[in-house]
C-alpha atoms as a PDB file:
ATOM      1  CA  MET A   1       0.000   0.000   0.000  1.00  0.00           C
ATOM      2  CA  ASP A   2       1.477   3.376  -0.936  1.00  0.00           C
ATOM      3  CA  LEU A   3       1.319   6.644   0.996  1.00  0.00           C
ATOM      4  CA  HIS A   4      -1.798   8.001  -0.749  1.00  0.00           C
ATOM      5  CA  GLN A   5      -3.740   4.745  -0.375  1.00  0.00           C
ATOM      6  CA  THR A   6      -2.870   4.582   3.334  1.00  0.00           C
ATOM      7  CA  ILE A   7      -3.902   8.185   3.926  1.00  0.00           C
ATOM      8  CA  ARG A   8      -7.199   7.594   2.093  1.00  0.00           C
ATOM      9  CA  ARG A   9      -7.832   4.442   4.157  1.00  0.00           C
ATOM     10  CA  ILE A  10      -7.122   6.294   7.419  1.00  0.00           C
ATOM     11  CA  LEU A  11      -9.433   9.158   6.472  1.00  0.00           C
ATOM     12  CA  LYS A  12     -12.258   6.836   5.361  1.00  0.00           C
ATOM     13  CA  GLU A  13     -12.289   4.682   8.504  1.00  0.00           C
ATOM     14  CA  GLU A  14     -15.554   5.206  10.347  1.00  0.00           C
ATOM     15  CA  THR A  15     -15.597   4.603  14.060  1.00  0.00           C
ATOM     16  CA  GLN A  16     -18.705   4.029  16.099  1.00  0.00           C
ATOM     17  CA  GLU A  17     -17.001   4.371  19.447  1.00  0.00           C
ATOM     18  CA  PRO A  18     -13.975   6.409  20.496  1.00  0.00           C
ATOM     19  CA  LYS A  19     -10.938   4.619  19.181  1.00  0.00           C
ATOM     20  CA  ILE A  20      -7.244   5.395  18.983  1.00  0.00           C
ATOM     21  CA  LEU A  21      -6.122   6.285  15.470  1.00  0.00           C
ATOM     22  CA  LYS A  22      -2.998   4.197  14.734  1.00  0.00           C
ATOM     23  CA  LEU A  23      -0.476   5.783  12.392  1.00  0.00           C
ATOM     24  CA  PRO A  24       2.797   4.428  10.994  1.00  0.00           C
ATOM     25  CA  SER A  25       6.138   6.022  11.816  1.00  0.00           C
ATOM     26  CA  LEU A  26       7.035   9.473  10.495  1.00  0.00           C
ATOM     27  CA  ASP A  27       9.353   8.246   7.753  1.00  0.00           C
ATOM     28  CA  PHE A  28       6.388   6.517   6.096  1.00  0.00           C
ATOM     29  CA  PHE A  29       4.881   9.937   5.347  1.00  0.00           C
ATOM     30  CA  ASP A  30       8.072  11.802   4.386  1.00  0.00           C
ATOM     31  CA  LYS A  31      11.832  11.632   4.912  1.00  0.00           C
ATOM     32  CA  ASP A  32      11.775  15.147   6.409  1.00  0.00           C
ATOM     33  CA  PRO A  33      10.416  14.818   9.992  1.00  0.00           C
ATOM     34  CA  GLU A  34       8.811  18.278   9.976  1.00  0.00           C
ATOM     35  CA  ILE A  35       6.934  17.635   6.731  1.00  0.00           C
ATOM     36  CA  ALA A  36       5.865  14.184   7.955  1.00  0.00           C
ATOM     37  CA  TRP A  37       4.650  15.681  11.256  1.00  0.00           C
ATOM     38  CA  GLU A  38       2.616  18.300   9.347  1.00  0.00           C
ATOM     39  CA  ILE A  39       0.998  15.535   7.261  1.00  0.00           C
ATOM     40  CA  ILE A  40       0.102  13.617  10.426  1.00  0.00           C
ATOM     41  CA  GLN A  41      -1.361  16.736  12.018  1.00  0.00           C
ATOM     42  CA  LYS A  42      -3.548  17.330   8.945  1.00  0.00           C
ATOM     43  CA  ILE A  43      -4.799  13.724   9.040  1.00  0.00           C
ATOM     44  CA  VAL A  44      -5.559  13.938  12.762  1.00  0.00           C
ATOM     45  CA  GLU A  45      -7.346  17.276  12.293  1.00  0.00           C
ATOM     46  CA  ARG A  46      -9.470  15.888   9.445  1.00  0.00           C
ATOM     47  CA  LYS A  47     -10.443  12.938  11.631  1.00  0.00           C
ATOM     48  CA  GLY A  48     -11.720  15.312  14.340  1.00  0.00           C
ATOM     49  CA  ASN A  49      -8.618  15.334  16.573  1.00  0.00           C
ATOM     50  CA  PRO A  50      -9.011  11.847  18.090  1.00  0.00           C
ATOM     51  CA  LEU A  51      -6.459  10.228  20.369  1.00  0.00           C
ATOM     52  CA  TYR A  52      -3.757   8.714  18.165  1.00  0.00           C
ATOM     53  CA  SER A  53      -0.577   6.671  18.337  1.00  0.00           C
ATOM     54  CA  ILE A  54       2.584   6.498  16.263  1.00  0.00           C
ATOM     55  CA  GLU A  55       3.781   2.935  15.676  1.00  0.00           C
ATOM     56  CA  GLY A  56       7.488   3.673  15.300  1.00  0.00           C
ATOM     57  CA  ASP A  57       9.996   6.303  16.333  1.00  0.00           C
ATOM     58  CA  LEU A  58       8.975   9.942  16.542  1.00  0.00           C
ATOM     59  CA  ASP A  59      11.857  12.371  16.099  1.00  0.00           C
ATOM     60  CA  LEU A  60      10.675  15.956  16.551  1.00  0.00           C
ATOM     61  CA  ARG A  61      13.953  17.451  17.780  1.00  0.00           C
ATOM     62  CA  ASN A  62      14.601  21.030  16.708  1.00  0.00           C
ATOM     63  CA  THR A  63      10.933  21.608  15.816  1.00  0.00           C
ATOM     64  CA  LEU A  64       8.631  24.244  17.297  1.00  0.00           C
ATOM     65  CA  ILE A  65       6.275  21.780  18.993  1.00  0.00           C
ATOM     66  CA  GLU A  66       4.925  23.073  22.311  1.00  0.00           C
ATOM     67  CA  SER A  67       2.449  20.267  23.233  1.00  0.00           C
ATOM     68  CA  LEU A  68       1.744  16.714  21.953  1.00  0.00           C
ATOM     69  CA  GLY A  69      -2.038  17.289  22.132  1.00  0.00           C
ATOM     70  CA  ASN A  70      -3.893  14.004  21.562  1.00  0.00           C
ATOM     71  CA  LEU A  71      -0.841  11.830  20.921  1.00  0.00           C
ATOM     72  CA  GLN A  72      -1.366   8.880  23.264  1.00  0.00           C
ATOM     73  CA  SER A  73       1.560   6.550  22.559  1.00  0.00           C
ATOM     74  CA  VAL A  74       4.771   6.128  20.625  1.00  0.00           C
ATOM     75  CA  GLY A  75       5.851   2.627  19.641  1.00  0.00           C
ATOM     76  CA  GLY A  76       9.547   3.491  19.607  1.00  0.00           C
ATOM     77  CA  PHE A  77      11.890   6.311  20.574  1.00  0.00           C
ATOM     78  CA  LEU A  78      10.489   9.822  21.142  1.00  0.00           C
ATOM     79  CA  SER A  79      12.861  12.752  20.738  1.00  0.00           C
ATOM     80  CA  LEU A  80      11.726  16.228  21.718  1.00  0.00           C
ATOM     81  CA  ARG A  81      15.265  17.516  22.235  1.00  0.00           C
ATOM     82  CA  TYR A  82      15.832  21.229  21.527  1.00  0.00           C
ATOM     83  CA  THR A  83      12.097  22.024  21.356  1.00  0.00           C
ATOM     84  CA  PRO A  84      10.032  24.560  23.318  1.00  0.00           C
ATOM     85  CA  ILE A  85       7.722  21.728  24.514  1.00  0.00           C
ATOM     86  CA  GLU A  86       5.950  22.591  27.744  1.00  0.00           C
ATOM     87  CA  SER A  87       3.364  19.796  27.966  1.00  0.00           C
ATOM     88  CA  LEU A  88       3.199  16.118  27.054  1.00  0.00           C
ATOM     89  CA  GLY A  89      -0.547  16.455  26.475  1.00  0.00           C
ATOM     90  CA  ASN A  90      -2.331  13.082  26.506  1.00  0.00           C
ATOM     91  CA  LEU A  91       0.853  11.046  26.086  1.00  0.00           C
ATOM     92  CA  GLN A  92       0.546   7.852  28.135  1.00  0.00           C
ATOM     93  CA  SER A  93       3.337   5.586  26.910  1.00  0.00           C
ATOM     94  CA  VAL A  94       6.638   5.470  25.052  1.00  0.00           C
ATOM     95  CA  VAL A  95       8.048   2.033  24.220  1.00  0.00           C
ATOM     96  CA  GLY A  96      11.593   3.293  23.663  1.00  0.00           C
ATOM     97  CA  ALA A  97      13.542   6.121  25.225  1.00  0.00           C
ATOM     98  CA  LEU A  98      12.253   9.664  25.763  1.00  0.00           C
ATOM     99  CA  ASP A  99      14.681  12.507  25.009  1.00  0.00           C
ATOM    100  CA  LEU A 100      13.732  15.799  26.664  1.00  0.00           C
ATOM    101  CA  ARG A 101      17.178  17.419  26.805  1.00  0.00           C
ATOM    102  CA  VAL A 102      17.242  21.187  26.428  1.00  0.00           C
ATOM    103  CA  THR A 103      13.459  21.639  26.820  1.00  0.00           C
ATOM    104  CA  PRO A 104      11.313  23.542  29.343  1.00  0.00           C
ATOM    105  CA  ILE A 105      10.002  20.156  30.568  1.00  0.00           C
ATOM    106  CA  SER A 106      13.521  19.007  31.455  1.00  0.00           C
ATOM    107  CA  LYS A 107      13.875  21.992  33.772  1.00  0.00           C
ATOM    108  CA  LYS A 108      10.407  21.634  35.302  1.00  0.00           C
ATOM    109  CA  TYR A 109      10.215  17.903  36.129  1.00  0.00           C
ATOM    110  CA  THR A 110      12.461  15.149  37.461  1.00  0.00           C
ATOM    111  CA  GLU A 111      12.759  11.758  35.788  1.00  0.00           C
ATOM    112  CA  GLY A 112      10.547  10.270  38.504  1.00  0.00           C
ATOM    113  CA  GLN A 113       7.828  12.865  37.944  1.00  0.00           C
ATOM    114  CA  ILE A 114       7.883  12.234  34.189  1.00  0.00           C
ATOM    115  CA  ARG A 115       7.614   8.468  34.761  1.00  0.00           C
ATOM    116  CA  GLN A 116       4.521   9.107  36.906  1.00  0.00           C
ATOM    117  CA  MET A 117       2.946  10.997  33.987  1.00  0.00           C
ATOM    118  CA  VAL A 118       4.075   8.714  31.140  1.00  0.00           C
ATOM    119  CA  ASP A 119       4.909   5.003  31.076  1.00  0.00           C
ATOM    120  CA  VAL A 120       8.381   5.134  29.483  1.00  0.00           C
ATOM    121  CA  LYS A 121       9.889   1.671  28.935  1.00  0.00           C
ATOM    122  CA  GLY A 122      13.337   3.013  27.986  1.00  0.00           C
ATOM    123  CA  ASP A 123      15.618   5.692  29.368  1.00  0.00           C
ATOM    124  CA  ILE A 124      14.589   9.293  29.938  1.00  0.00           C
ATOM    125  CA  TYR A 125      17.169  11.880  28.949  1.00  0.00           C
ATOM    126  CA  LEU A 126      16.941  15.205  30.721  1.00  0.00           C
END
């Protein structure tokens, strides 16, 4: 299935009860993480901003993201390094490591406090 077919399938899915929208990793949508993230945000917006998950790694370092909104889980590594992120939104789990170095969150919370907010299976880098 190519990118356009997958996007069409995601947009056409009808849900009768609240369900988590499952999306592939960023590199499926584009090699440039910022462009891929914009595509994902457009899909999520068109679906009515449901809770959603990313199946693979999510590398948003050096982007202008301030909150993860309705992102519920990441199936791999999550890098928010060098971002102005102030909130993890609805994020509940990260299967890999969580990189928060050089962010407002890294100054505000300890590793223990972050682990109470989000189930991180890997390391947390502050």
